């Protein structure tokens, strides 16, 4: 399922069931995903970074965008399509994520002195996100992540339905579970052939975490510049003091 469909809760649930779940590309794997987007490596190469690291379950994007490639690589895999109560609820939640990403991807300027895009894996994550929505929705690079604000009302909801329709059309019915995390353990465990755990099904409210992270990212971006200015000022004063001493 797409990001913002309860994938963090699903990842936590799969971990409890004994899987090693890959929720989002690790910093060390970001380069392979960026190379896939650039066309210098394949989707199989990017997926292979997770496989080589020992993961045996994936969720969220960009893995959800390449579900068909994963199914080609692992024909017997079971596919869980996470969904929200409605397309509109997904769109509202998705916009919270996009606000966080916009702050993270914003380039350095004197008005916004962020250093994040100077970090190699952050730059690779940005390039990786260009591919989101391309395979299953037929969008252009970056349109889902950065272009949605220019689209009419209801456009995001249409993309949500496009992705879900693509998954339901391409995955064999006996290998597919359409799942709302509110349903809890029973349908998931039945589908995967697992015993229902005695602990409650995880409920990860990532929206609040994203809102806090967005605020913190802005604080960090603005906060380091005054520190450097202050350091430069103190250093200048020290140099002047040394030069002004009698010899």
Protein backbone atom coordinates (compact mmCIF):
# COMPACT_ATOMS: atom_id res chain seq x y z
CA UNK A 1 0.00 0.00 0.00
CA UNK A 2 0.96 3.63 -0.47
CA UNK A 3 2.58 5.65 2.26
CA UNK A 4 0.09 7.03 4.79
CA UNK A 5 -2.09 3.90 4.70
CA UNK A 6 -0.93 2.51 8.03
CA UNK A 7 2.34 1.11 6.73
CA UNK A 8 4.23 1.91 9.94
CA UNK A 9 1.66 -0.05 11.93
CA UNK A 10 1.83 -2.88 9.41
CA UNK A 11 5.64 -2.93 9.59
CA UNK A 12 5.50 -3.15 13.39
CA UNK A 13 2.92 -5.95 13.14
CA UNK A 14 4.99 -7.93 10.65
CA UNK A 15 8.04 -7.60 12.88
CA UNK A 16 6.02 -9.05 15.77
CA UNK A 17 5.05 -11.94 13.51
CA UNK A 18 8.72 -12.69 12.89
CA UNK A 19 9.43 -10.91 9.63
CA UNK A 20 12.28 -8.48 9.01
CA UNK A 21 10.37 -5.58 7.54
CA UNK A 22 11.83 -2.95 5.24
CA UNK A 23 9.75 0.21 5.59
CA UNK A 24 11.88 2.87 3.88
CA UNK A 25 15.27 2.75 2.14
CA UNK A 26 18.15 3.00 4.59
CA UNK A 27 20.67 5.82 4.09
CA UNK A 28 23.20 3.24 2.86
CA UNK A 29 20.72 2.09 0.20
CA UNK A 30 19.62 5.53 -0.98
CA UNK A 31 22.26 5.65 -3.71
CA UNK A 32 20.96 2.48 -5.35
CA UNK A 33 17.44 3.88 -5.43
CA UNK A 34 18.66 7.17 -6.88
CA UNK A 35 20.57 5.23 -9.55
CA UNK A 36 17.40 3.30 -10.39
CA UNK A 37 15.58 6.59 -10.94
CA UNK A 38 18.47 7.88 -13.05
CA UNK A 39 18.39 4.71 -15.14
CA UNK A 40 21.90 3.57 -14.27
CA UNK A 41 20.63 0.64 -12.18
CA UNK A 42 17.48 -1.46 -12.31
CA UNK A 43 14.57 -1.74 -9.92
CA UNK A 44 15.85 -5.24 -9.13
CA UNK A 45 19.17 -3.73 -8.05
CA UNK A 46 17.43 -1.28 -5.72
CA UNK A 47 15.18 -3.98 -4.26
CA UNK A 48 18.23 -6.20 -3.90
CA UNK A 49 19.75 -3.85 -1.33
CA UNK A 50 16.97 -4.82 1.07
CA UNK A 51 17.18 -8.51 0.20
CA UNK A 52 20.95 -8.57 0.72
CA UNK A 53 20.50 -6.89 4.10
CA UNK A 54 18.28 -9.74 5.27
CA UNK A 55 14.83 -8.19 4.95
CA UNK A 56 12.00 -10.50 3.90
CA UNK A 57 9.03 -8.12 3.93
CA UNK A 58 8.58 -4.65 2.46
CA UNK A 59 6.02 -1.88 2.70
CA UNK A 60 5.47 1.81 2.01
CA UNK A 61 7.02 3.72 -0.86
CA UNK A 62 9.11 3.38 -2.93
CA UNK A 63 8.74 -0.39 -2.47
CA UNK A 64 5.00 -0.15 -3.12
CA UNK A 65 5.69 1.54 -6.45
CA UNK A 66 7.70 -1.47 -7.62
CA UNK A 67 5.40 -4.15 -6.25
CA UNK A 68 5.13 -5.74 -9.73
CA UNK A 69 8.92 -6.09 -9.97
CA UNK A 70 9.00 -7.65 -6.51
CA UNK A 71 6.32 -10.10 -7.61
CA UNK A 72 8.42 -11.01 -10.67
CA UNK A 73 11.39 -11.61 -8.39
CA UNK A 74 9.35 -13.55 -5.84
CA UNK A 75 6.35 -15.07 -7.68
CA UNK A 76 4.94 -16.79 -4.60
CA UNK A 77 5.05 -13.69 -2.40
CA UNK A 78 1.95 -12.62 -0.52
CA UNK A 79 0.88 -9.02 -1.05
CA UNK A 80 -0.84 -6.87 1.59
CA UNK A 81 -2.52 -3.82 0.10
CA UNK A 82 -3.03 -1.42 2.99
CA UNK A 83 -5.92 1.00 2.53
CA UNK A 84 -7.52 3.90 4.41
CA UNK A 85 -11.20 4.33 5.28
CA UNK A 86 -11.60 6.56 2.23
CA UNK A 87 -9.47 8.21 -0.48
CA UNK A 88 -10.11 11.62 1.10
CA UNK A 89 -8.71 10.50 4.45
CA UNK A 90 -5.61 9.24 2.69
CA UNK A 91 -5.18 12.53 0.81
CA UNK A 92 -5.44 14.55 4.02
CA UNK A 93 -2.82 12.38 5.71
CA UNK A 94 -0.61 12.39 2.63
CA UNK A 95 -0.44 16.19 2.69
CA UNK A 96 1.03 16.04 6.21
CA UNK A 97 3.83 13.86 4.86
CA UNK A 98 4.35 16.17 1.89
CA UNK A 99 4.77 19.17 4.18
CA UNK A 100 7.51 17.29 6.01
CA UNK A 101 9.21 16.29 2.74
CA UNK A 102 9.01 19.83 1.35
CA UNK A 103 10.86 21.14 4.41
CA UNK A 104 13.40 18.33 4.15
CA UNK A 105 14.02 18.90 0.44
CA UNK A 106 14.03 22.70 0.48
CA UNK A 107 17.35 23.97 -0.94
CA UNK A 108 19.71 26.23 0.96
CA UNK A 109 19.03 29.95 0.78
CA UNK A 110 19.67 32.93 3.04
CA UNK A 111 15.97 32.92 3.88
CA UNK A 112 16.06 29.20 4.67
CA UNK A 113 19.62 28.18 5.58
CA UNK A 114 19.06 24.43 5.52
CA UNK A 115 22.09 22.16 5.11
CA UNK A 116 20.06 18.95 4.68
CA UNK A 117 20.43 18.75 0.91
CA UNK A 118 24.20 18.89 1.33
CA UNK A 119 24.01 15.43 2.92
CA UNK A 120 24.52 12.76 0.20
CA UNK A 121 21.82 10.32 1.31
CA UNK A 122 19.31 13.17 1.67
CA UNK A 123 20.03 14.19 -1.93
CA UNK A 124 19.60 10.58 -3.02
CA UNK A 125 16.30 10.27 -1.16
CA UNK A 126 15.09 13.36 -3.01
CA UNK A 127 16.00 11.81 -6.36
CA UNK A 128 14.43 8.52 -5.29
CA UNK A 129 11.10 10.22 -4.55
CA UNK A 130 10.91 11.40 -8.16
CA UNK A 131 9.89 7.87 -9.12
CA UNK A 132 7.00 7.61 -6.67
CA UNK A 133 3.68 7.34 -8.47
CA UNK A 134 5.27 6.73 -11.86
CA UNK A 135 4.88 2.92 -12.28
CA UNK A 136 1.37 2.50 -10.85
CA UNK A 137 -0.24 5.88 -11.59
CA UNK A 138 1.43 6.79 -14.87
CA UNK A 139 2.63 10.13 -13.53
CA UNK A 140 5.70 12.11 -14.56
CA UNK A 141 8.75 12.18 -12.32
CA UNK A 142 8.15 14.18 -9.14
CA UNK A 143 4.49 14.87 -9.91
CA UNK A 144 3.08 12.95 -6.95
CA UNK A 145 5.60 14.38 -4.49
CA UNK A 146 5.95 17.99 -5.62
CA UNK A 147 3.38 18.61 -8.34
CA UNK A 148 0.17 17.70 -6.54
CA UNK A 149 -0.29 21.27 -5.26
CA UNK A 150 -0.88 22.40 -8.86
CA UNK A 151 -3.58 19.80 -9.48
CA UNK A 152 -7.36 20.28 -9.01
CA UNK A 153 -9.28 19.19 -5.93
CA UNK A 154 -9.72 15.43 -5.86
CA UNK A 155 -6.61 14.70 -7.92
CA UNK A 156 -4.78 13.00 -5.06
CA UNK A 157 -7.77 10.80 -4.37
CA UNK A 158 -7.73 9.69 -8.01
CA UNK A 159 -4.07 8.68 -7.75
CA UNK A 160 -4.80 6.68 -4.60
CA UNK A 161 -7.48 4.75 -6.47
CA UNK A 162 -5.21 4.26 -9.49
CA UNK A 163 -2.52 2.66 -7.37
CA UNK A 164 -4.91 0.37 -5.54
CA UNK A 165 -6.61 -0.65 -8.78
CA UNK A 166 -3.21 -1.48 -10.31
CA UNK A 167 -2.32 -3.73 -7.37
CA UNK A 168 -5.69 -5.50 -7.36
CA UNK A 169 -5.50 -6.05 -11.12
CA UNK A 170 -1.96 -7.44 -11.23
CA UNK A 171 -1.71 -9.53 -8.06
CA UNK A 172 -3.39 -12.97 -8.14
CA UNK A 173 -6.41 -12.96 -5.83
CA UNK A 174 -5.14 -15.85 -3.72
CA UNK A 175 -1.93 -13.87 -3.03
CA UNK A 176 -3.62 -10.58 -2.15
CA UNK A 177 -5.07 -9.19 1.07
CA UNK A 178 -6.75 -5.79 0.97
CA UNK A 179 -6.23 -4.67 4.54
CA UNK A 180 -7.16 -1.76 6.78
CA UNK A 181 -4.97 -1.80 9.89
CA UNK A 182 -8.11 -1.11 11.94
CA UNK A 183 -9.08 -4.73 11.22
CA UNK A 184 -6.32 -5.92 13.53
CA UNK A 185 -4.61 -9.28 13.72
CA UNK A 186 -7.25 -11.75 12.52
CA UNK A 187 -7.35 -11.16 8.74
CA UNK A 188 -3.60 -10.54 8.55
CA UNK A 189 -2.63 -13.66 10.49
CA UNK A 190 -5.12 -15.82 8.59
CA UNK A 191 -3.69 -14.58 5.29
CA UNK A 192 -0.08 -15.15 6.35
CA UNK A 193 -0.72 -18.42 8.15
CA UNK A 194 0.46 -17.06 11.49
CA UNK A 195 -0.82 -17.49 15.03
CA UNK A 196 -2.55 -14.40 16.41
CA UNK A 197 -0.17 -12.76 18.94
CA UNK A 198 -1.28 -12.08 22.49
CA UNK A 199 -0.22 -8.41 22.23
CA UNK A 200 -2.43 -5.70 20.76
CA UNK A 201 -2.09 -4.83 17.10
CA UNK A 202 0.34 -1.89 16.76
CA UNK A 203 -1.15 1.56 16.28
CA UNK A 204 1.58 3.94 15.11
CA UNK A 205 0.29 7.50 14.77
CA UNK A 206 2.94 8.84 12.44
CA UNK A 207 1.06 12.05 11.58
CA UNK A 208 1.83 13.62 14.95
CA UNK A 209 5.45 12.48 14.69
CA UNK A 210 5.72 14.06 11.25
CA UNK A 211 4.29 17.35 12.47
CA UNK A 212 6.81 17.46 15.33
CA UNK A 213 9.64 16.47 12.99
CA UNK A 214 8.68 19.25 10.57
CA UNK A 215 8.89 21.83 13.34
CA UNK A 216 12.21 20.44 14.60
CA UNK A 217 13.66 20.45 11.09
CA UNK A 218 12.81 24.13 10.72
CA UNK A 219 14.36 24.90 14.11
CA UNK A 220 17.55 23.06 13.18
CA UNK A 221 17.70 24.74 9.77
CA UNK A 222 17.37 28.21 11.21
CA UNK A 223 19.26 27.51 14.41
CA UNK A 224 22.68 26.59 13.09
CA UNK A 225 23.15 29.83 11.11
CA UNK A 226 23.13 32.16 14.16
CA UNK A 227 25.56 29.75 15.84
CA UNK A 228 27.98 30.07 12.92
CA UNK A 229 27.56 33.84 12.82
CA UNK A 230 28.23 34.01 16.55
CA UNK A 231 31.26 31.76 16.22
CA UNK A 232 32.60 33.89 13.37
CA UNK A 233 32.07 37.06 15.41
CA UNK A 234 33.88 35.66 18.47
CA UNK A 235 36.71 34.38 16.27
CA UNK A 236 37.07 37.80 14.65
CA UNK A 237 37.20 39.47 18.04
CA UNK A 238 39.88 37.07 19.22
CA UNK A 239 41.98 37.64 16.10
CA UNK A 240 41.66 41.43 16.48
CA UNK A 241 42.60 41.14 20.15
CA UNK A 242 45.71 39.11 19.33
CA UNK A 243 46.75 41.49 16.57
CA UNK A 244 46.20 44.48 18.86
CA UNK A 245 48.53 43.26 21.59
CA UNK A 246 51.82 45.16 21.95
CA UNK A 247 54.85 43.26 20.71
